[in-house]
Amino acid sequence: MNIYMHALNDFERNMVDITTGCVLSGGRSRRMGTDKALLSLGGKTLITTALEGFAGFHEILISAEDAERYAFLGVPVIPDERHGIGPLGGLISAIKATESMFVCFRPVDTPFVPPALHRLLASNCIGKDAAVPVFQNRTEPLLACIAKTALPVLQGLAVNGVFKTQEIFTHLDAEYVQLEVPELITLMGDPASYLVNANDPETFRTLERRHI
């Protein structure tokens, strides 16, 4: 058994009860022209698919402004305490809203991200402030797992105007998980395929064709 399978097993044994999953759905969907979270792909809304990615976690949250819009899901909706700072506001508010030691995040518009990635990142977050995936030398900050210990740093960055999520991990004790490792490709597939975002109608139509 390789180290990645060990990490997944460690999550199931030791981390389920101390890890929250949070779907980030606070964007305005300007490029899509409609609320992309409620678009249907493969017979499910994108937000339903995203929530299912955290199946087995002891707590699941949605980071969004409109609680009524997602009331039918029966999942707590956490609004940003501070507006105008982009996704960082969602990260901070979600971490503050839970008693869990770790919070794994997932954008609502990445329907093909494998659930195993969240468990792997959570296991790599032990003893760290964060675990963040990296693909083609670029971090994927909205798929990170972030520990409660990171909250004071994130709040300080927000106060000081450091809002870009690509930058926050340089201020944290972060574990960088390289998705291009052959064992991870075997385990979860090609990152170029599962990291694709449904940001606009053309891209969404491309994703629909993958389900035909």
Protein backbone atom coordinates (compact mmCIF):
# COMPACT_ATOMS: atom_id res chain seq x y z
CA MET A 1 0.00 0.00 0.00
CA ASN A 2 1.48 3.38 -0.99
CA ILE A 3 1.66 6.47 1.21
CA TYR A 4 -1.43 7.99 -0.40
CA MET A 5 -3.62 5.01 0.41
CA HIS A 6 -2.27 5.14 3.96
CA ALA A 7 -3.29 8.80 4.13
CA LEU A 8 -6.82 8.01 2.96
CA ASN A 9 -7.11 5.23 5.52
CA ASP A 10 -5.81 7.56 8.24
CA PHE A 11 -8.58 10.02 7.38
CA GLU A 12 -11.27 7.38 7.71
CA ARG A 13 -9.86 6.15 11.03
CA ASN A 14 -8.85 9.38 12.73
CA MET A 15 -10.14 12.51 11.03
CA VAL A 16 -13.79 12.08 10.05
CA ASP A 17 -15.01 13.52 13.36
CA ILE A 18 -12.74 16.58 13.30
CA THR A 19 -13.03 17.66 9.66
CA THR A 20 -15.74 19.81 8.05
CA GLY A 21 -16.41 20.06 4.35
CA CYS A 22 -17.45 23.42 2.91
CA VAL A 23 -18.77 24.16 -0.58
CA LEU A 24 -17.85 27.64 -1.76
CA SER A 25 -20.85 29.07 -3.58
CA GLY A 26 -20.56 32.79 -2.91
CA GLY A 27 -19.68 33.97 -6.40
CA ARG A 28 -22.04 36.04 -8.53
CA SER A 29 -21.87 33.78 -11.62
CA ARG A 30 -21.44 36.83 -13.87
CA ARG A 31 -19.83 34.91 -16.72
CA MET A 32 -22.43 32.13 -16.55
CA GLY A 33 -25.33 34.59 -16.53
CA THR A 34 -27.30 32.50 -14.03
CA ASP A 35 -26.70 30.83 -10.67
CA LYS A 36 -24.34 28.06 -11.75
CA ALA A 37 -24.79 26.23 -8.45
CA LEU A 38 -28.32 25.31 -9.53
CA LEU A 39 -27.42 24.20 -13.05
CA SER A 40 -28.01 20.51 -13.69
CA LEU A 41 -25.22 18.23 -14.86
CA GLY A 42 -25.73 14.51 -15.14
CA GLY A 43 -29.13 14.80 -13.49
CA LYS A 44 -27.84 16.68 -10.43
CA THR A 45 -27.32 20.33 -9.63
CA LEU A 46 -23.71 21.39 -9.32
CA ILE A 47 -24.21 22.20 -5.65
CA THR A 48 -25.63 18.72 -4.97
CA THR A 49 -22.61 17.15 -6.64
CA ALA A 50 -20.27 19.35 -4.63
CA LEU A 51 -21.96 18.43 -1.35
CA GLU A 52 -21.73 14.74 -2.21
CA GLY A 53 -17.98 15.19 -2.50
CA PHE A 54 -17.95 15.51 1.29
CA ALA A 55 -20.07 12.44 1.98
CA GLY A 56 -18.92 10.86 5.23
CA PHE A 57 -17.67 14.10 6.78
CA HIS A 58 -19.28 14.74 10.15
CA GLU A 59 -20.27 18.28 9.13
CA ILE A 60 -20.91 19.96 5.79
CA LEU A 61 -21.42 23.69 5.19
CA ILE A 62 -22.21 25.98 2.27
CA SER A 63 -20.47 29.35 2.00
CA ALA A 64 -22.97 31.67 0.32
CA GLU A 65 -24.92 34.87 0.85
CA ASP A 66 -28.45 33.68 0.06
CA ALA A 67 -29.49 31.10 2.65
CA GLU A 68 -33.06 30.90 1.34
CA ARG A 69 -31.84 29.94 -2.13
CA TYR A 70 -30.23 26.79 -0.76
CA ALA A 71 -32.72 26.02 2.04
CA PHE A 72 -34.04 22.99 0.12
CA LEU A 73 -30.68 21.26 0.69
CA GLY A 74 -30.97 21.26 4.48
CA VAL A 75 -27.33 22.29 4.87
CA PRO A 76 -26.18 25.25 7.02
CA VAL A 77 -25.36 28.30 4.90
CA ILE A 78 -22.58 30.56 6.19
CA PRO A 79 -22.51 34.13 4.84
CA ASP A 80 -19.31 36.15 4.71
CA GLU A 81 -18.79 38.28 7.80
CA ARG A 82 -16.72 40.67 5.74
CA HIS A 83 -17.66 41.57 2.18
CA GLY A 84 -15.55 42.76 -0.70
CA ILE A 85 -12.53 40.54 -0.06
CA GLY A 86 -13.39 37.72 -2.44
CA PRO A 87 -13.15 34.02 -1.55
CA LEU A 88 -10.96 34.81 1.46
CA GLY A 89 -14.09 36.05 3.21
CA GLY A 90 -15.73 32.68 2.67
CA LEU A 91 -12.72 30.77 3.99
CA ILE A 92 -12.56 32.87 7.15
CA SER A 93 -16.28 32.76 7.89
CA ALA A 94 -16.51 29.00 7.37
CA ILE A 95 -13.55 28.29 9.65
CA LYS A 96 -15.03 30.55 12.32
CA ALA A 97 -18.44 28.86 12.03
CA THR A 98 -17.25 25.38 12.92
CA GLU A 99 -15.65 23.73 15.93
CA SER A 100 -13.81 21.30 13.67
CA MET A 101 -10.03 21.33 13.66
CA PHE A 102 -9.91 21.24 9.85
CA VAL A 103 -12.08 22.56 7.03
CA CYS A 104 -11.80 21.19 3.49
CA PHE A 105 -13.06 23.49 0.74
CA ARG A 106 -14.48 22.90 -2.72
CA PRO A 107 -15.78 25.39 -5.30
CA VAL A 108 -19.32 24.65 -6.43
CA ASP A 109 -18.26 24.73 -10.09
CA THR A 110 -15.72 21.87 -10.04
CA PRO A 111 -18.03 18.84 -10.43
CA PHE A 112 -15.36 16.28 -11.29
CA VAL A 113 -13.07 16.70 -8.27
CA PRO A 114 -12.82 13.23 -6.67
CA PRO A 115 -13.91 12.91 -3.03
CA ALA A 116 -10.61 11.17 -2.31
CA LEU A 117 -8.78 14.46 -2.85
CA HIS A 118 -10.50 16.07 0.14
CA ARG A 119 -9.59 13.15 2.39
CA LEU A 120 -6.01 13.16 1.17
CA LEU A 121 -5.63 16.88 1.84
CA ALA A 122 -7.15 16.58 5.29
CA SER A 123 -4.66 13.86 6.19
CA ASN A 124 -1.80 16.04 4.94
CA CYS A 125 -3.04 18.94 7.05
CA ILE A 126 -2.19 17.21 10.33
CA GLY A 127 0.45 19.30 12.10
CA LYS A 128 0.15 22.06 9.47
CA ASP A 129 -1.91 25.20 8.98
CA ALA A 130 -3.05 24.04 5.56
CA ALA A 131 -2.68 21.47 2.82
CA VAL A 132 -3.11 22.80 -0.70
CA PRO A 133 -3.05 20.93 -4.03
CA VAL A 134 -0.64 22.02 -6.74
CA PHE A 135 -0.99 21.35 -10.46
CA GLN A 136 1.41 22.57 -13.13
CA ASN A 137 3.24 24.70 -10.54
CA ARG A 138 0.05 26.52 -9.60
CA THR A 139 -1.76 26.16 -6.30
CA GLU A 140 -5.47 25.38 -6.21
CA PRO A 141 -6.36 27.46 -3.14
CA LEU A 142 -10.12 26.89 -3.17
CA LEU A 143 -9.56 23.14 -2.87
CA ALA A 144 -7.33 23.47 0.17
CA CYS A 145 -7.84 21.98 3.60
CA ILE A 146 -7.21 24.63 6.24
CA ALA A 147 -6.68 24.11 9.96
CA LYS A 148 -8.27 26.19 12.68
CA THR A 149 -4.76 27.34 13.59
CA ALA A 150 -4.64 29.36 10.36
CA LEU A 151 -7.58 31.59 11.31
CA PRO A 152 -5.62 34.40 13.03
CA VAL A 153 -3.26 34.64 10.06
CA LEU A 154 -6.11 34.74 7.55
CA GLN A 155 -7.89 37.43 9.54
CA GLY A 156 -4.68 39.44 9.69
CA LEU A 157 -4.22 39.16 5.93
CA ALA A 158 -7.77 40.40 5.39
CA VAL A 159 -7.16 43.41 7.63
CA ASN A 160 -3.95 44.21 5.76
CA GLY A 161 -5.51 43.98 2.31
CA VAL A 162 -3.97 40.67 1.22
CA PHE A 163 -7.04 39.19 -0.46
CA LYS A 164 -5.62 36.98 -3.21
CA THR A 165 -6.09 33.35 -2.22
CA GLN A 166 -3.07 32.37 -4.33
CA GLU A 167 -0.91 34.33 -1.88
CA ILE A 168 -2.24 33.29 1.51
CA PHE A 169 -0.39 30.00 1.79
CA THR A 170 2.99 31.71 1.71
CA HIS A 171 2.02 33.14 5.10
CA LEU A 172 1.05 29.74 6.52
CA ASP A 173 2.83 26.55 7.44
CA ALA A 174 1.41 24.75 4.43
CA GLU A 175 1.86 21.30 2.94
CA TYR A 176 1.88 21.40 -0.85
CA VAL A 177 0.40 18.26 -2.44
CA GLN A 178 1.64 17.73 -5.99
CA LEU A 179 -1.23 16.27 -8.02
CA GLU A 180 1.03 15.17 -10.86
CA VAL A 181 2.65 12.41 -8.80
CA PRO A 182 2.06 9.18 -10.79
CA GLU A 183 0.52 7.40 -7.81
CA LEU A 184 -2.05 10.18 -7.41
CA ILE A 185 -2.89 10.15 -11.11
CA THR A 186 -3.50 6.41 -10.83
CA LEU A 187 -5.63 6.94 -7.74
CA MET A 188 -7.70 9.95 -8.81
CA GLY A 189 -7.21 10.50 -12.52
CA ASP A 190 -5.77 13.32 -14.61
CA PRO A 191 -5.89 16.65 -12.71
CA ALA A 192 -6.35 18.54 -15.98
CA SER A 193 -9.65 16.70 -16.35
CA TYR A 194 -11.07 16.94 -12.85
CA LEU A 195 -9.94 20.49 -12.02
CA VAL A 196 -11.93 22.08 -14.86
CA ASN A 197 -14.31 24.85 -13.74
CA ALA A 198 -17.80 25.44 -15.12
CA ASN A 199 -17.35 29.21 -15.28
CA ASP A 200 -19.22 30.13 -18.47
CA PRO A 201 -21.87 28.65 -20.78
CA GLU A 202 -19.35 27.34 -23.31
CA THR A 203 -17.35 25.46 -20.69
CA PHE A 204 -20.54 24.14 -19.13
CA ARG A 205 -21.68 22.77 -22.49
CA THR A 206 -18.31 21.01 -22.78
CA LEU A 207 -18.88 19.41 -19.37
CA GLU A 208 -22.39 18.37 -20.42
CA ARG A 209 -20.96 16.50 -23.41
CA ARG A 210 -18.80 14.46 -21.02
CA HIS A 211 -22.03 13.08 -19.54
CA ILE A 212 -23.59 12.10 -22.86
